[in-house]
Amino acid sequence: MPRTLYCWRCQTDMPMLTEEEWQLAHPMSYIAQMNRYREETGCSLAEARERGLGYLTVAAYERITGFKESNPNAILHHRLSLYGPPCHVCNTPLRTPAARYCARCNAERLDAEAAE
């Protein structure tokens, strides 16, 4: 079941995918599909997006989360494993698992598992 967390890039709460859900959404196949299409046609990234590439990733994300996302690139960073634990002061997730302080409130990470 997806968990809603603050997304630093979207600057709002978004449904985040677990690793199992991430595999179902196949975001890497979207990237491969875009690269292959662009190599074959010589079109730009914007042109490839306009032609609907990435619709399978968008459809999978909506099926899993119930959230209708129109930009398949946004889905690439809606993955729980990319974020750290919640800040002990403001409860916002740390930007990365290795973060030593909270980017929102500057509180230092308390646990000893912070990457060195």
Protein backbone atom coordinates (compact mmCIF):
# COMPACT_ATOMS: atom_id res chain seq x y z
CA MET A 1 0.00 0.00 0.00
CA PRO A 2 1.51 3.35 -0.98
CA ARG A 3 2.39 5.75 1.80
CA THR A 4 1.86 9.49 1.48
CA LEU A 5 4.98 11.55 2.19
CA TYR A 6 6.19 15.04 1.48
CA CYS A 7 7.96 15.13 -1.90
CA TRP A 8 10.79 17.64 -2.00
CA ARG A 9 10.60 18.08 -5.78
CA CYS A 10 6.81 18.44 -5.99
CA GLN A 11 6.73 20.41 -2.71
CA THR A 12 3.56 18.65 -1.60
CA ASP A 13 2.44 15.36 -0.08
CA MET A 14 2.46 12.58 -2.69
CA PRO A 15 1.80 8.83 -2.70
CA MET A 16 5.17 7.06 -2.57
CA LEU A 17 5.73 3.58 -3.95
CA THR A 18 7.22 0.69 -1.99
CA GLU A 19 9.90 -1.36 -3.75
CA GLU A 20 7.32 -3.98 -4.75
CA GLU A 21 5.02 -1.31 -6.18
CA TRP A 22 7.99 0.37 -7.85
CA GLN A 23 8.68 -2.84 -9.78
CA LEU A 24 5.04 -2.99 -10.89
CA ALA A 25 5.14 0.54 -12.26
CA HIS A 26 8.25 -0.27 -14.36
CA PRO A 27 9.63 3.26 -14.40
CA MET A 28 12.90 2.13 -15.92
CA SER A 29 11.09 0.65 -18.90
CA TYR A 30 9.66 4.13 -19.45
CA ILE A 31 13.17 5.57 -19.69
CA ALA A 32 14.27 2.79 -22.03
CA GLN A 33 11.15 3.30 -24.12
CA MET A 34 11.83 7.03 -24.41
CA ASN A 35 15.50 6.52 -25.33
CA ARG A 36 14.71 3.89 -27.95
CA TYR A 37 11.96 6.00 -29.51
CA ARG A 38 14.17 9.07 -29.65
CA GLU A 39 17.04 7.09 -31.23
CA GLU A 40 14.72 5.60 -33.85
CA THR A 41 12.98 8.83 -34.79
CA GLY A 42 15.51 11.52 -33.92
CA CYS A 43 12.78 13.47 -32.13
CA SER A 44 13.23 15.65 -29.06
CA LEU A 45 12.25 14.68 -25.55
CA ALA A 46 9.27 17.07 -25.71
CA GLU A 47 8.08 15.45 -28.95
CA ALA A 48 8.37 11.97 -27.46
CA ARG A 49 6.35 13.07 -24.42
CA GLU A 50 3.65 14.57 -26.64
CA ARG A 51 3.28 11.25 -28.44
CA GLY A 52 2.20 9.61 -25.18
CA LEU A 53 5.29 7.67 -24.23
CA GLY A 54 5.25 6.72 -20.60
CA TYR A 55 1.51 6.10 -20.51
CA LEU A 56 2.04 2.60 -19.09
CA THR A 57 3.99 4.00 -16.13
CA VAL A 58 1.35 6.67 -15.54
CA ALA A 59 -1.45 4.08 -15.72
CA ALA A 60 0.35 1.73 -13.30
CA TYR A 61 0.99 4.56 -10.82
CA GLU A 62 -2.67 5.56 -10.90
CA ARG A 63 -3.82 1.96 -10.50
CA ILE A 64 -1.52 1.45 -7.49
CA THR A 65 -1.97 4.80 -5.73
CA GLY A 66 -5.29 6.14 -6.97
CA PHE A 67 -3.51 9.41 -7.84
CA LYS A 68 -3.75 10.60 -11.44
CA GLU A 69 -0.28 11.81 -12.43
CA SER A 70 0.14 13.20 -15.93
CA ASN A 71 3.94 13.45 -15.94
CA PRO A 72 5.74 10.08 -15.97
CA ASN A 73 9.01 11.82 -14.98
CA ALA A 74 7.48 12.84 -11.64
CA ILE A 75 6.85 9.18 -10.81
CA LEU A 76 10.59 8.47 -10.95
CA HIS A 77 11.10 10.18 -7.58
CA HIS A 78 7.95 8.93 -5.84
CA ARG A 79 9.76 5.99 -4.29
CA LEU A 80 9.96 5.44 -0.53
CA SER A 81 13.52 4.14 -0.58
CA LEU A 82 14.80 7.49 -1.88
CA TYR A 83 13.79 9.27 1.33
CA GLY A 84 15.13 9.10 4.86
CA PRO A 85 13.23 8.73 8.13
CA PRO A 86 10.96 11.52 9.38
CA CYS A 87 12.61 14.44 11.15
CA HIS A 88 12.21 14.24 14.92
CA VAL A 89 11.30 17.95 15.04
CA CYS A 90 9.04 18.70 12.03
CA ASN A 91 8.17 15.14 10.91
CA THR A 92 9.11 15.89 7.28
CA PRO A 93 11.02 13.01 5.69
CA LEU A 94 14.74 13.61 5.35
CA ARG A 95 15.66 14.22 1.72
CA THR A 96 17.80 11.07 1.48
CA PRO A 97 18.47 8.00 3.61
CA ALA A 98 21.97 9.38 4.30
CA ALA A 99 20.89 12.92 5.29
CA ARG A 100 22.46 14.15 8.52
CA TYR A 101 20.04 17.05 9.04
CA CYS A 102 16.55 18.11 8.01
CA ALA A 103 16.48 20.41 4.99
CA ARG A 104 13.23 22.00 6.21
CA CYS A 105 14.05 22.88 9.85
CA ASN A 106 17.83 22.22 10.02
CA ALA A 107 17.47 19.80 12.94
CA GLU A 108 20.31 17.30 13.18
CA ARG A 109 19.47 13.66 12.67
CA LEU A 110 19.36 11.83 16.00
CA ASP A 111 19.88 8.19 15.04
CA ALA A 112 23.36 6.76 14.70
CA GLU A 113 22.53 5.14 11.38
CA ALA A 114 23.02 8.32 9.39
CA ALA A 115 25.53 7.66 6.64
CA GLU A 116 29.06 8.79 7.27
